[in-house]
C-alpha cells in the first residue's frame, strides 16, 4: 500500500524535530515523491549525512511502502 505524503512528512518531522518538510507527489500515484527537508540540525552534517538522517527517520520504509523518493536537504536561510 502506498504511503500518503502526510505520513512521510510526519515520519521525517518525528525523526528530525526542527525540520521544515515539503512533499510533492511526482507521478500522482502515491508512490513517487520528492521531499525537500530544511533543518538547522543539518548544519554540522555533510550532504550524505543529512540524507542518511532523513532515511533513518523513514525507518526502513524506502523500497517497501515508499517506492521512490527524490530527496533534497538544506539549511535554513
PDB file of N, CA and C in Angstrom:
ATOM      1  N   UNK A   1       0.845  -1.192   0.000  1.00  0.00           N
ATOM      2  CA  UNK A   1       0.000   0.000   0.000  1.00  0.00           C
ATOM      3  C   UNK A   1       0.886   1.249   0.000  1.00  0.00           C
ATOM      4  N   UNK A   2       0.646   2.179  -0.901  1.00  0.00           N
ATOM      5  CA  UNK A   2       1.468   3.392  -0.958  1.00  0.00           C
ATOM      6  C   UNK A   2       1.315   4.253   0.304  1.00  0.00           C
ATOM      7  N   UNK A   3       2.327   5.046   0.555  1.00  0.00           N
ATOM      8  CA  UNK A   3       2.296   5.967   1.691  1.00  0.00           C
ATOM      9  C   UNK A   3       1.704   7.302   1.259  1.00  0.00           C
ATOM     10  N   UNK A   4       1.004   7.946   2.172  1.00  0.00           N
ATOM     11  CA  UNK A   4       0.489   9.289   1.918  1.00  0.00           C
ATOM     12  C   UNK A   4       1.590  10.308   2.199  1.00  0.00           C
ATOM     13  N   UNK A   5       1.543  11.427   1.489  1.00  0.00           N
ATOM     14  CA  UNK A   5       2.522  12.498   1.683  1.00  0.00           C
ATOM     15  C   UNK A   5       2.548  12.947   3.145  1.00  0.00           C
ATOM     16  N   UNK A   6       1.379  13.029   3.779  1.00  0.00           N
ATOM     17  CA  UNK A   6       1.310  13.468   5.180  1.00  0.00           C
ATOM     18  C   UNK A   6       2.031  12.488   6.103  1.00  0.00           C
ATOM     19  N   UNK A   7       1.985  11.197   5.782  1.00  0.00           N
ATOM     20  CA  UNK A   7       2.680  10.192   6.593  1.00  0.00           C
ATOM     21  C   UNK A   7       4.194  10.338   6.464  1.00  0.00           C
ATOM     22  N   UNK A   8       4.653  10.594   5.242  1.00  0.00           N
ATOM     23  CA  UNK A   8       6.092  10.798   5.020  1.00  0.00           C
ATOM     24  C   UNK A   8       6.558  12.021   5.802  1.00  0.00           C
ATOM     25  N   UNK A   9       5.802  13.100   5.700  1.00  0.00           N
ATOM     26  CA  UNK A   9       6.149  14.332   6.421  1.00  0.00           C
ATOM     27  C   UNK A   9       6.184  14.091   7.923  1.00  0.00           C
ATOM     28  N   UNK A  10       5.196  13.373   8.453  1.00  0.00           N
ATOM     29  CA  UNK A  10       5.138  13.113   9.894  1.00  0.00           C
ATOM     30  C   UNK A  10       6.327  12.285  10.363  1.00  0.00           C
ATOM     31  N   UNK A  11       6.720  11.284   9.583  1.00  0.00           N
ATOM     32  CA  UNK A  11       7.871  10.457   9.952  1.00  0.00           C
ATOM     33  C   UNK A  11       9.152  11.286   9.987  1.00  0.00           C
ATOM     34  N   UNK A  12       9.344  12.124   8.966  1.00  0.00           N
ATOM     35  CA  UNK A  12      10.555  12.949   8.916  1.00  0.00           C
ATOM     36  C   UNK A  12      10.576  13.918  10.094  1.00  0.00           C
ATOM     37  N   UNK A  13       9.438  14.562  10.377  1.00  0.00           N
ATOM     38  CA  UNK A  13       9.382  15.517  11.488  1.00  0.00           C
ATOM     39  C   UNK A  13       9.561  14.825  12.838  1.00  0.00           C
ATOM     40  N   UNK A  14       9.112  13.582  12.955  1.00  0.00           N
ATOM     41  CA  UNK A  14       9.318  12.842  14.203  1.00  0.00           C
ATOM     42  C   UNK A  14      10.799  12.542  14.412  1.00  0.00           C
ATOM     43  N   UNK A  15      11.498  12.229  13.318  1.00  0.00           N
ATOM     44  CA  UNK A  15      12.918  11.896  13.413  1.00  0.00           C
ATOM     45  C   UNK A  15      13.832  13.103  13.439  1.00  0.00           C
ATOM     46  N   UNK A  16      13.370  14.217  12.857  1.00  0.00           N
ATOM     47  CA  UNK A  16      14.151  15.459  12.788  1.00  0.00           C
ATOM     48  C   UNK A  16      13.205  16.581  13.222  1.00  0.00           C
ATOM     49  N   UNK A  17      13.059  16.773  14.539  1.00  0.00           N
ATOM     50  CA  UNK A  17      12.011  17.667  15.052  1.00  0.00           C
ATOM     51  C   UNK A  17      12.063  19.112  14.549  1.00  0.00           C
ATOM     52  N   UNK A  18      13.253  19.612  14.199  1.00  0.00           N
ATOM     53  CA  UNK A  18      13.320  21.010  13.747  1.00  0.00           C
ATOM     54  C   UNK A  18      13.145  21.137  12.233  1.00  0.00           C
ATOM     55  N   UNK A  19      12.794  20.044  11.553  1.00  0.00           N
ATOM     56  CA  UNK A  19      12.711  20.058  10.095  1.00  0.00           C
ATOM     57  C   UNK A  19      11.471  20.779   9.583  1.00  0.00           C
ATOM     58  N   UNK A  20      11.676  21.519   8.490  1.00  0.00           N
ATOM     59  CA  UNK A  20      10.572  22.021   7.670  1.00  0.00           C
ATOM     60  C   UNK A  20      10.562  21.101   6.459  1.00  0.00           C
ATOM     61  N   UNK A  21       9.429  20.486   6.197  1.00  0.00           N
ATOM     62  CA  UNK A  21       9.347  19.448   5.173  1.00  0.00           C
ATOM     63  C   UNK A  21       8.291  19.825   4.139  1.00  0.00           C
ATOM     64  N   UNK A  22       8.645  19.717   2.872  1.00  0.00           N
ATOM     65  CA  UNK A  22       7.628  19.834   1.832  1.00  0.00           C
ATOM     66  C   UNK A  22       7.719  18.585   0.963  1.00  0.00           C
ATOM     67  N   UNK A  23       6.562  17.977   0.725  1.00  0.00           N
ATOM     68  CA  UNK A  23       6.467  16.729  -0.031  1.00  0.00           C
ATOM     69  C   UNK A  23       5.651  16.996  -1.290  1.00  0.00           C
ATOM     70  N   UNK A  24       6.144  16.500  -2.420  1.00  0.00           N
ATOM     71  CA  UNK A  24       5.434  16.609  -3.692  1.00  0.00           C
ATOM     72  C   UNK A  24       5.250  15.206  -4.261  1.00  0.00           C
ATOM     73  N   UNK A  25       4.014  14.887  -4.643  1.00  0.00           N
ATOM     74  CA  UNK A  25       3.733  13.613  -5.315  1.00  0.00           C
ATOM     75  C   UNK A  25       4.079  13.816  -6.785  1.00  0.00           C
ATOM     76  N   UNK A  26       5.155  13.213  -7.239  1.00  0.00           N
ATOM     77  CA  UNK A  26       5.684  13.468  -8.581  1.00  0.00           C
ATOM     78  C   UNK A  26       4.855  12.848  -9.699  1.00  0.00           C
ATOM     79  N   UNK A  27       4.249  11.695  -9.440  1.00  0.00           N
ATOM     80  CA  UNK A  27       3.550  10.985 -10.510  1.00  0.00           C
ATOM     81  C   UNK A  27       2.042  10.909 -10.280  1.00  0.00           C
ATOM     82  N   UNK A  28       1.570  11.393  -9.139  1.00  0.00           N
ATOM     83  CA  UNK A  28       0.152  11.322  -8.833  1.00  0.00           C
ATOM     84  C   UNK A  28      -0.312   9.929  -8.469  1.00  0.00           C
ATOM     85  N   UNK A  29       0.654   9.034  -8.205  1.00  0.00           N
ATOM     86  CA  UNK A  29       0.310   7.644  -7.916  1.00  0.00           C
ATOM     87  C   UNK A  29       0.543   7.243  -6.458  1.00  0.00           C
ATOM     88  N   UNK A  30       0.963   8.199  -5.615  1.00  0.00           N
ATOM     89  CA  UNK A  30       1.226   7.886  -4.216  1.00  0.00           C
ATOM     90  C   UNK A  30       2.441   7.002  -4.034  1.00  0.00           C
ATOM     91  N   UNK A  31       3.288   6.909  -5.041  1.00  0.00           N
ATOM     92  CA  UNK A  31       4.437   6.011  -4.995  1.00  0.00           C
ATOM     93  C   UNK A  31       5.765   6.711  -5.265  1.00  0.00           C
ATOM     94  N   UNK A  32       5.725   7.856  -5.932  1.00  0.00           N
ATOM     95  CA  UNK A  32       6.937   8.578  -6.320  1.00  0.00           C
ATOM     96  C   UNK A  32       6.842  10.005  -5.792  1.00  0.00           C
ATOM     97  N   UNK A  33       7.667  10.296  -4.794  1.00  0.00           N
ATOM     98  CA  UNK A  33       7.610  11.595  -4.125  1.00  0.00           C
ATOM     99  C   UNK A  33       8.936  12.332  -4.226  1.00  0.00           C
ATOM    100  N   UNK A  34       8.852  13.642  -4.071  1.00  0.00           N
ATOM    101  CA  UNK A  34      10.030  14.476  -3.853  1.00  0.00           C
ATOM    102  C   UNK A  34       9.865  15.072  -2.461  1.00  0.00           C
ATOM    103  N   UNK A  35      10.939  15.081  -1.701  1.00  0.00           N
ATOM    104  CA  UNK A  35      10.918  15.685  -0.369  1.00  0.00           C
ATOM    105  C   UNK A  35      12.026  16.723  -0.293  1.00  0.00           C
ATOM    106  N   UNK A  36      11.672  17.906   0.204  1.00  0.00           N
ATOM    107  CA  UNK A  36      12.654  18.964   0.457  1.00  0.00           C
ATOM    108  C   UNK A  36      12.631  19.183   1.965  1.00  0.00           C
ATOM    109  N   UNK A  37      13.773  18.934   2.607  1.00  0.00           N
ATOM    110  CA  UNK A  37      13.851  18.985   4.061  1.00  0.00           C
ATOM    111  C   UNK A  37      14.880  20.039   4.467  1.00  0.00           C
ATOM    112  N   UNK A  38      14.432  21.009   5.257  1.00  0.00           N
ATOM    113  CA  UNK A  38      15.286  22.095   5.732  1.00  0.00           C
ATOM    114  C   UNK A  38      15.359  21.995   7.252  1.00  0.00           C
ATOM    115  N   UNK A  39      16.590  21.972   7.796  1.00  0.00           N
ATOM    116  CA  UNK A  39      16.726  21.865   9.251  1.00  0.00           C
ATOM    117  C   UNK A  39      18.035  22.486   9.717  1.00  0.00           C
ATOM    118  N   UNK A  40      17.960  23.233  10.782  1.00  0.00           N
ATOM    119  CA  UNK A  40      19.164  23.810  11.398  1.00  0.00           C
ATOM    120  C   UNK A  40      20.072  22.689  11.923  1.00  0.00           C
ATOM    121  N   UNK A  41      19.469  21.599  12.370  1.00  0.00           N
ATOM    122  CA  UNK A  41      20.268  20.488  12.903  1.00  0.00           C
ATOM    123  C   UNK A  41      21.151  19.840  11.831  1.00  0.00           C
ATOM    124  N   UNK A  42      20.934  20.167  10.557  1.00  0.00           N
ATOM    125  CA  UNK A  42      21.789  19.668   9.483  1.00  0.00           C
ATOM    126  C   UNK A  42      23.128  20.399   9.430  1.00  0.00           C
ATOM    127  N   UNK A  43      23.257  21.544  10.125  1.00  0.00           N
ATOM    128  CA  UNK A  43      24.431  22.404   9.958  1.00  0.00           C
ATOM    129  C   UNK A  43      25.768  21.665  10.067  1.00  0.00           C
ATOM    130  N   UNK A  44      25.984  20.821  11.079  1.00  0.00           N
ATOM    131  CA  UNK A  44      27.307  20.182  11.167  1.00  0.00           C
ATOM    132  C   UNK A  44      27.478  18.970  10.244  1.00  0.00           C
ATOM    133  N   UNK A  45      26.443  18.619   9.485  1.00  0.00           N
ATOM    134  CA  UNK A  45      26.463  17.376   8.716  1.00  0.00           C
ATOM    135  C   UNK A  45      26.862  17.599   7.256  1.00  0.00           C
ATOM    136  N   UNK A  46      27.467  16.570   6.680  1.00  0.00           N
ATOM    137  CA  UNK A  46      27.705  16.558   5.231  1.00  0.00           C
ATOM    138  C   UNK A  46      26.379  16.289   4.524  1.00  0.00           C
ATOM    139  N   UNK A  47      26.359  16.497   3.229  1.00  0.00           N
ATOM    140  CA  UNK A  47      25.152  16.243   2.436  1.00  0.00           C
ATOM    141  C   UNK A  47      24.718  14.778   2.579  1.00  0.00           C
ATOM    142  N   UNK A  48      25.674  13.873   2.543  1.00  0.00           N
ATOM    143  CA  UNK A  48      25.365  12.439   2.688  1.00  0.00           C
ATOM    144  C   UNK A  48      24.790  12.147   4.076  1.00  0.00           C
ATOM    145  N   UNK A  49      25.370  12.744   5.115  1.00  0.00           N
ATOM    146  CA  UNK A  49      24.864  12.522   6.476  1.00  0.00           C
ATOM    147  C   UNK A  49      23.438  13.051   6.629  1.00  0.00           C
ATOM    148  N   UNK A  50      23.143  14.171   5.973  1.00  0.00           N
ATOM    149  CA  UNK A  50      21.788  14.727   6.012  1.00  0.00           C
ATOM    150  C   UNK A  50      20.798  13.745   5.395  1.00  0.00           C
ATOM    151  N   UNK A  51      21.170  13.201   4.230  1.00  0.00           N
ATOM    152  CA  UNK A  51      20.286  12.244   3.566  1.00  0.00           C
ATOM    153  C   UNK A  51      20.104  10.982   4.407  1.00  0.00           C
ATOM    154  N   UNK A  52      21.182  10.527   5.022  1.00  0.00           N
ATOM    155  CA  UNK A  52      21.080   9.349   5.897  1.00  0.00           C
ATOM    156  C   UNK A  52      20.142   9.614   7.064  1.00  0.00           C
ATOM    157  N   UNK A  53      20.185  10.834   7.613  1.00  0.00           N
ATOM    158  CA  UNK A  53      19.299  11.189   8.730  1.00  0.00           C
ATOM    159  C   UNK A  53      17.836  11.128   8.301  1.00  0.00           C
ATOM    160  N   UNK A  54      17.551  11.602   7.089  1.00  0.00           N
ATOM    161  CA  UNK A  54      16.167  11.553   6.595  1.00  0.00           C
ATOM    162  C   UNK A  54      15.750  10.106   6.369  1.00  0.00           C
ATOM    163  N   UNK A  55      16.605   9.311   5.730  1.00  0.00           N
ATOM    164  CA  UNK A  55      16.259   7.905   5.501  1.00  0.00           C
ATOM    165  C   UNK A  55      16.089   7.160   6.827  1.00  0.00           C
ATOM    166  N   UNK A  56      16.898   7.488   7.832  1.00  0.00           N
ATOM    167  CA  UNK A  56      16.742   6.865   9.148  1.00  0.00           C
ATOM    168  C   UNK A  56      15.384   7.226   9.749  1.00  0.00           C
ATOM    169  N   UNK A  57      14.965   8.480   9.559  1.00  0.00           N
ATOM    170  CA  UNK A  57      13.667   8.911  10.082  1.00  0.00           C
ATOM    171  C   UNK A  57      12.522   8.147   9.407  1.00  0.00           C
ATOM    172  N   UNK A  58      12.734   7.722   8.168  1.00  0.00           N
ATOM    173  CA  UNK A  58      11.705   6.970   7.446  1.00  0.00           C
ATOM    174  C   UNK A  58      11.640   5.511   7.891  1.00  0.00           C
ATOM    175  N   UNK A  59      12.577   5.101   8.726  1.00  0.00           N
ATOM    176  CA  UNK A  59      12.510   3.798   9.382  1.00  0.00           C
ATOM    177  C   UNK A  59      12.440   2.590   8.463  1.00  0.00           C
ATOM    178  N   UNK A  60      13.229   2.572   7.408  1.00  0.00           N
ATOM    179  CA  UNK A  60      13.277   1.388   6.561  1.00  0.00           C
ATOM    180  C   UNK A  60      12.112   1.235   5.603  1.00  0.00           C
ATOM    181  N   UNK A  61      11.320   2.278   5.420  1.00  0.00           N
ATOM    182  CA  UNK A  61      10.172   2.170   4.506  1.00  0.00           C
ATOM    183  C   UNK A  61      10.549   2.361   3.033  1.00  0.00           C
ATOM    184  N   UNK A  62      11.763   2.856   2.770  1.00  0.00           N
ATOM    185  CA  UNK A  62      12.203   3.019   1.384  1.00  0.00           C
ATOM    186  C   UNK A  62      12.279   1.651   0.709  1.00  0.00           C
ATOM    187  N   UNK A  63      11.766   1.586  -0.513  1.00  0.00           N
ATOM    188  CA  UNK A  63      11.798   0.335  -1.254  1.00  0.00           C
ATOM    189  C   UNK A  63      10.635  -0.578  -0.918  1.00  0.00           C
ATOM    190  N   UNK A  64       9.899  -0.249   0.136  1.00  0.00           N
ATOM    191  CA  UNK A  64       8.724  -1.025   0.506  1.00  0.00           C
ATOM    192  C   UNK A  64       7.488  -0.180   0.299  1.00  0.00           C
ATOM    193  N   UNK A  65       6.968   0.361   1.417  1.00  0.00           N
ATOM    194  CA  UNK A  65       5.795   1.240   1.336  1.00  0.00           C
ATOM    195  C   UNK A  65       6.089   2.478   0.508  1.00  0.00           C
ATOM    196  N   UNK A  66       7.319   2.937   0.575  1.00  0.00           N
ATOM    197  CA  UNK A  66       7.731   4.144  -0.140  1.00  0.00           C
ATOM    198  C   UNK A  66       8.663   3.710  -1.266  1.00  0.00           C
ATOM    199  N   UNK A  67       8.142   3.755  -2.485  1.00  0.00           N
ATOM    200  CA  UNK A  67       8.884   3.206  -3.629  1.00  0.00           C
ATOM    201  C   UNK A  67      10.044   4.106  -4.059  1.00  0.00           C
ATOM    202  N   UNK A  68       9.767   5.405  -4.240  1.00  0.00           N
ATOM    203  CA  UNK A  68      10.805   6.300  -4.752  1.00  0.00           C
ATOM    204  C   UNK A  68      10.701   7.668  -4.078  1.00  0.00           C
ATOM    205  N   UNK A  69      11.847   8.183  -3.650  1.00  0.00           N
ATOM    206  CA  UNK A  69      11.881   9.493  -3.006  1.00  0.00           C
ATOM    207  C   UNK A  69      13.054  10.289  -3.570  1.00  0.00           C
ATOM    208  N   UNK A  70      12.732  11.390  -4.214  1.00  0.00           N
ATOM    209  CA  UNK A  70      13.748  12.330  -4.698  1.00  0.00           C
ATOM    210  C   UNK A  70      13.981  13.294  -3.539  1.00  0.00           C
ATOM    211  N   UNK A  71      15.146  13.222  -2.923  1.00  0.00           N
ATOM    212  CA  UNK A  71      15.400  13.928  -1.675  1.00  0.00           C
ATOM    213  C   UNK A  71      16.374  15.089  -1.868  1.00  0.00           C
ATOM    214  N   UNK A  72      15.999  16.262  -1.357  1.00  0.00           N
ATOM    215  CA  UNK A  72      16.932  17.375  -1.254  1.00  0.00           C
ATOM    216  C   UNK A  72      16.895  17.862   0.188  1.00  0.00           C
ATOM    217  N   UNK A  73      18.068  18.238   0.691  1.00  0.00           N
ATOM    218  CA  UNK A  73      18.179  18.767   2.049  1.00  0.00           C
ATOM    219  C   UNK A  73      18.857  20.127   1.989  1.00  0.00           C
ATOM    220  N   UNK A  74      18.571  20.964   2.985  1.00  0.00           N
ATOM    221  CA  UNK A  74      19.149  22.308   3.007  1.00  0.00           C
ATOM    222  C   UNK A  74      19.187  22.839   4.428  1.00  0.00           C
ATOM    223  N   UNK A  75      19.961  23.901   4.582  1.00  0.00           N
ATOM    224  CA  UNK A  75      19.995  24.643   5.850  1.00  0.00           C
ATOM    225  C   UNK A  75      19.038  25.828   5.733  1.00  0.00           C
ATOM    226  N   UNK A  76      18.470  26.283   6.847  1.00  0.00           N
ATOM    227  CA  UNK A  76      17.620  27.477   6.784  1.00  0.00           C
ATOM    228  C   UNK A  76      18.429  28.673   6.310  1.00  0.00           C
ATOM    229  N   UNK A  77      17.772  29.556   5.563  1.00  0.00           N
ATOM    230  CA  UNK A  77      18.488  30.739   5.058  1.00  0.00           C
ATOM    231  C   UNK A  77      18.494  31.849   6.095  1.00  0.00           C
TER     232      UNK A  77
END
